[in-house]
Structure formats: structure tokens, C-alpha cells
Amino acid sequence: MYDFLKLKKEVSETIADIEAEDVLSVKNKLKDFGYYHEPE
């Protein structure tokens, strides 16, 4: 799964040291699939 999103490590609400670029990558993929809408 990490290869599909090209993440450095797991992104989870229970992980304290999440990479900012990983979060952006996940948001962008979710947006591509129609599952994420940026808040206004």
C-alpha cells in the first residue's frame, strides 16, 4: 500500500511523527478518487 501512494511511512491518526508530504500525497490521491474535499 505504501508503494501505491509512495509514502515514506504509515499515515494514521495514532502515529505522532507523520511526514507532511505523506499527508499531502494521501489527500491528493483521495481527491483524485473523489473521497476528499478540501474544507472551505
N, C-alpha and C. Protein backbone atom coordinates (compact mmCIF):
# COMPACT_ATOMS: atom_id res chain seq x y z
N MET A 1 0.83 -1.20 0.00
CA MET A 1 0.00 0.00 0.00
C MET A 1 0.87 1.25 0.00
N TYR A 2 1.96 1.20 0.70
CA TYR A 2 2.82 2.38 0.76
C TYR A 2 3.41 2.68 -0.62
N ASP A 3 3.71 1.62 -1.39
CA ASP A 3 4.27 1.83 -2.73
C ASP A 3 3.27 2.52 -3.65
N PHE A 4 2.01 2.16 -3.54
CA PHE A 4 0.95 2.75 -4.37
C PHE A 4 0.88 4.25 -4.16
N LEU A 5 1.00 4.68 -2.92
CA LEU A 5 0.93 6.10 -2.59
C LEU A 5 2.30 6.75 -2.51
N LYS A 6 3.37 5.94 -2.60
CA LYS A 6 4.74 6.42 -2.49
C LYS A 6 4.98 7.16 -1.17
N LEU A 7 4.59 6.51 -0.07
CA LEU A 7 4.75 7.09 1.25
C LEU A 7 6.05 6.64 1.89
N LYS A 8 6.57 7.48 2.76
CA LYS A 8 7.78 7.12 3.50
C LYS A 8 7.46 6.18 4.65
N LYS A 9 6.29 6.39 5.30
CA LYS A 9 5.85 5.51 6.37
C LYS A 9 4.33 5.62 6.52
N GLU A 10 3.78 4.85 7.43
CA GLU A 10 2.34 4.79 7.63
C GLU A 10 1.77 6.15 8.04
N VAL A 11 0.59 6.46 7.50
CA VAL A 11 -0.13 7.67 7.88
C VAL A 11 -1.37 7.22 8.65
N SER A 12 -1.45 7.64 9.90
CA SER A 12 -2.53 7.21 10.78
C SER A 12 -2.74 8.26 11.86
N GLU A 13 -3.95 8.31 12.40
CA GLU A 13 -4.21 9.27 13.47
C GLU A 13 -3.50 8.89 14.77
N THR A 14 -2.99 7.65 14.85
CA THR A 14 -2.29 7.22 16.05
C THR A 14 -0.77 7.36 15.94
N ILE A 15 -0.28 7.78 14.78
CA ILE A 15 1.16 7.96 14.57
C ILE A 15 1.50 9.42 14.85
N ALA A 16 2.48 9.67 15.70
CA ALA A 16 2.80 11.04 16.12
C ALA A 16 3.67 11.78 15.12
N ASP A 17 4.58 11.10 14.45
CA ASP A 17 5.53 11.78 13.56
C ASP A 17 5.24 11.50 12.09
N ILE A 18 4.12 11.99 11.62
CA ILE A 18 3.71 11.81 10.23
C ILE A 18 4.44 12.83 9.36
N GLU A 19 4.93 12.38 8.22
CA GLU A 19 5.60 13.26 7.26
C GLU A 19 4.56 14.12 6.55
N ALA A 20 4.78 15.43 6.49
CA ALA A 20 3.82 16.34 5.86
C ALA A 20 3.60 15.99 4.39
N GLU A 21 4.65 15.61 3.68
CA GLU A 21 4.48 15.28 2.27
C GLU A 21 3.68 13.98 2.09
N ASP A 22 3.74 13.07 3.07
CA ASP A 22 2.91 11.87 3.01
C ASP A 22 1.44 12.23 3.17
N VAL A 23 1.14 13.16 4.08
CA VAL A 23 -0.24 13.59 4.27
C VAL A 23 -0.78 14.23 2.98
N LEU A 24 0.02 15.07 2.35
CA LEU A 24 -0.40 15.70 1.11
C LEU A 24 -0.61 14.67 0.00
N SER A 25 0.24 13.66 -0.04
CA SER A 25 0.10 12.60 -1.03
C SER A 25 -1.21 11.84 -0.85
N VAL A 26 -1.53 11.51 0.39
CA VAL A 26 -2.78 10.80 0.68
C VAL A 26 -3.98 11.68 0.32
N LYS A 27 -3.94 12.95 0.71
CA LYS A 27 -5.04 13.86 0.38
C LYS A 27 -5.23 13.98 -1.12
N ASN A 28 -4.14 14.10 -1.85
CA ASN A 28 -4.23 14.23 -3.31
C ASN A 28 -4.81 12.97 -3.96
N LYS A 29 -4.40 11.79 -3.51
CA LYS A 29 -4.95 10.54 -4.06
C LYS A 29 -6.43 10.42 -3.72
N LEU A 30 -6.80 10.74 -2.48
CA LEU A 30 -8.21 10.68 -2.11
C LEU A 30 -9.03 11.67 -2.92
N LYS A 31 -8.46 12.84 -3.19
CA LYS A 31 -9.16 13.84 -4.01
C LYS A 31 -9.32 13.32 -5.44
N ASP A 32 -8.28 12.68 -5.98
CA ASP A 32 -8.35 12.09 -7.33
C ASP A 32 -9.48 11.08 -7.43
N PHE A 33 -9.69 10.31 -6.37
CA PHE A 33 -10.73 9.28 -6.36
C PHE A 33 -12.09 9.80 -5.93
N GLY A 34 -12.17 11.10 -5.57
CA GLY A 34 -13.44 11.69 -5.18
C GLY A 34 -13.83 11.48 -3.73
N TYR A 35 -12.87 11.09 -2.87
CA TYR A 35 -13.16 10.82 -1.47
C TYR A 35 -12.72 11.92 -0.52
N TYR A 36 -12.08 12.94 -1.05
CA TYR A 36 -11.64 14.03 -0.19
C TYR A 36 -12.02 15.36 -0.84
N HIS A 37 -12.64 16.20 -0.05
CA HIS A 37 -13.00 17.54 -0.50
C HIS A 37 -12.38 18.53 0.48
N GLU A 38 -11.57 19.46 -0.03
CA GLU A 38 -10.89 20.42 0.82
C GLU A 38 -11.91 21.30 1.54
N PRO A 39 -11.69 21.54 2.82
CA PRO A 39 -12.61 22.41 3.56
C PRO A 39 -12.50 23.85 3.06
N GLU A 40 -13.58 24.56 3.18
CA GLU A 40 -13.61 25.95 2.71
C GLU A 40 -12.97 26.88 3.68
